[in-house]
Amino acid sequence: MTRNTLLLLLASIICGVGGQFLLKAGATALGPVSSENVGQKLMHMTLQPLLWGGLGLYGIAAIGYIMVLSRAKLSVAAPVVSMSYVFTVLGGNLIFGEAIPLVRWLGIAFIIAGVIMVVSS
């Protein structure tokens, strides 16, 4: 995988993770959805700009990933996308104050090690 393709893949991953953060923020602003309020909440979802922003970033991420797949092997690109889990856990901690237990740190270390092995092979 060339440097430019790797940078495009990283940008796609960051857009996808950003989309997740916006969807989480929008869902938090929306409040809990239950069987009693699902109709009302569906209506509010259509008006929630954070949710639209999250979906938009997901769309941009998908376009970037398609561009990557036109240039790189799927067997390399797809495993690198797992870095989104690392960025999501770290961002969840920094942005939403979510705790990162020791076992999750261990999982992050395994993901990073795996991505390094796949990219360098």
Protein backbone atom coordinates (compact mmCIF):
# COMPACT_ATOMS: atom_id res chain seq x y z
CA MET A 1 0.00 0.00 0.00
CA THR A 2 1.44 3.36 -0.99
CA ARG A 3 1.82 6.23 1.46
CA ASN A 4 -0.95 8.23 -0.23
CA THR A 5 -3.34 5.28 -0.12
CA LEU A 6 -2.54 4.73 3.56
CA LEU A 7 -3.21 8.43 4.25
CA LEU A 8 -6.52 8.21 2.40
CA LEU A 9 -7.43 5.14 4.43
CA LEU A 10 -6.55 6.96 7.64
CA ALA A 11 -8.71 9.93 6.59
CA SER A 12 -11.57 7.54 5.86
CA ILE A 13 -11.16 5.92 9.28
CA ILE A 14 -11.10 9.32 11.01
CA CYS A 15 -14.27 10.38 9.18
CA GLY A 16 -15.98 7.16 10.24
CA VAL A 17 -14.93 7.63 13.85
CA GLY A 18 -16.02 11.27 13.73
CA GLY A 19 -19.36 10.06 12.43
CA GLN A 20 -19.67 7.75 15.43
CA PHE A 21 -18.94 10.62 17.82
CA LEU A 22 -21.57 12.82 16.18
CA LEU A 23 -24.11 9.99 16.25
CA LYS A 24 -23.39 9.44 19.96
CA ALA A 25 -23.72 13.16 20.69
CA GLY A 26 -26.95 13.31 18.70
CA ALA A 27 -28.33 10.24 20.44
CA THR A 28 -27.45 11.73 23.83
CA ALA A 29 -29.20 14.98 22.91
CA LEU A 30 -32.18 12.96 21.69
CA GLY A 31 -32.53 11.10 24.96
CA PRO A 32 -33.45 7.47 25.59
CA VAL A 33 -35.67 5.82 22.97
CA SER A 34 -38.24 3.31 24.21
CA SER A 35 -41.25 1.54 22.83
CA GLU A 36 -43.47 4.25 24.35
CA ASN A 37 -41.75 7.18 22.60
CA VAL A 38 -40.28 5.64 19.45
CA GLY A 39 -42.63 7.50 17.09
CA GLN A 40 -41.86 10.87 18.66
CA LYS A 41 -38.14 10.13 18.81
CA LEU A 42 -38.07 9.07 15.14
CA MET A 43 -39.52 12.47 14.26
CA HIS A 44 -36.91 14.21 16.41
CA MET A 45 -34.14 12.16 14.77
CA THR A 46 -34.98 13.67 11.41
CA LEU A 47 -34.44 17.15 12.88
CA GLN A 48 -31.26 16.43 14.87
CA PRO A 49 -28.28 18.08 13.11
CA LEU A 50 -25.70 16.02 14.99
CA LEU A 51 -27.25 12.84 13.62
CA TRP A 52 -27.23 14.25 10.08
CA GLY A 53 -23.61 15.28 10.52
CA GLY A 54 -22.71 11.78 11.72
CA LEU A 55 -24.43 10.18 8.75
CA GLY A 56 -22.69 12.63 6.42
CA LEU A 57 -19.27 11.74 7.84
CA TYR A 58 -20.10 8.05 7.44
CA GLY A 59 -20.89 8.74 3.79
CA ILE A 60 -17.58 10.54 3.29
CA ALA A 61 -15.79 7.67 5.02
CA ALA A 62 -17.45 5.16 2.69
CA ILE A 63 -16.42 7.12 -0.40
CA GLY A 64 -12.84 7.32 0.86
CA TYR A 65 -12.81 3.60 1.61
CA ILE A 66 -14.07 2.78 -1.87
CA MET A 67 -11.24 4.88 -3.28
CA VAL A 68 -8.78 2.95 -1.09
CA LEU A 69 -10.20 -0.39 -2.27
CA SER A 70 -9.64 0.69 -5.88
CA ARG A 71 -5.92 0.97 -5.10
CA ALA A 72 -5.12 -1.52 -2.31
CA LYS A 73 -5.61 -5.15 -1.38
CA LEU A 74 -8.73 -5.84 0.67
CA SER A 75 -6.68 -8.22 2.82
CA VAL A 76 -4.61 -5.22 3.96
CA ALA A 77 -7.13 -2.38 3.91
CA ALA A 78 -9.88 -4.11 5.90
CA PRO A 79 -7.69 -5.05 8.88
CA VAL A 80 -6.32 -1.50 9.04
CA VAL A 81 -9.90 -0.27 9.45
CA SER A 82 -9.83 -1.96 12.86
CA MET A 83 -7.85 1.09 14.01
CA SER A 84 -11.25 2.75 14.17
CA TYR A 85 -11.85 0.69 17.35
CA VAL A 86 -8.74 2.18 18.90
CA PHE A 87 -9.69 5.75 17.95
CA THR A 88 -13.26 5.21 19.15
CA VAL A 89 -12.18 3.94 22.56
CA LEU A 90 -9.70 6.79 23.01
CA GLY A 91 -12.19 9.38 21.76
CA GLY A 92 -14.94 7.94 23.96
CA ASN A 93 -12.66 8.53 26.91
CA LEU A 94 -11.56 12.03 25.88
CA ILE A 95 -14.88 13.34 24.58
CA PHE A 96 -17.51 11.47 26.59
CA GLY A 97 -15.51 10.63 29.73
CA GLU A 98 -15.92 6.88 29.25
CA ALA A 99 -13.62 4.73 31.38
CA ILE A 100 -11.03 2.48 29.76
CA PRO A 101 -10.50 -0.62 31.90
CA LEU A 102 -7.22 -2.51 31.80
CA VAL A 103 -8.66 -5.31 29.67
CA ARG A 104 -9.74 -2.76 27.04
CA TRP A 105 -6.20 -1.29 27.01
CA LEU A 106 -4.93 -4.82 26.37
CA GLY A 107 -7.37 -5.19 23.48
CA ILE A 108 -6.19 -1.89 22.02
CA ALA A 109 -2.58 -3.11 22.22
CA PHE A 110 -3.51 -6.31 20.36
CA ILE A 111 -5.33 -4.38 17.64
CA ILE A 112 -2.37 -2.04 17.11
CA ALA A 113 0.07 -4.96 17.03
CA GLY A 114 -2.12 -6.78 14.52
CA VAL A 115 -2.39 -3.77 12.24
CA ILE A 116 1.37 -3.28 12.32
CA MET A 117 1.88 -6.94 11.36
CA VAL A 118 -0.64 -6.75 8.50
CA VAL A 119 0.74 -3.50 7.07
CA SER A 120 4.35 -4.64 7.28
CA SER A 121 3.72 -8.04 5.67
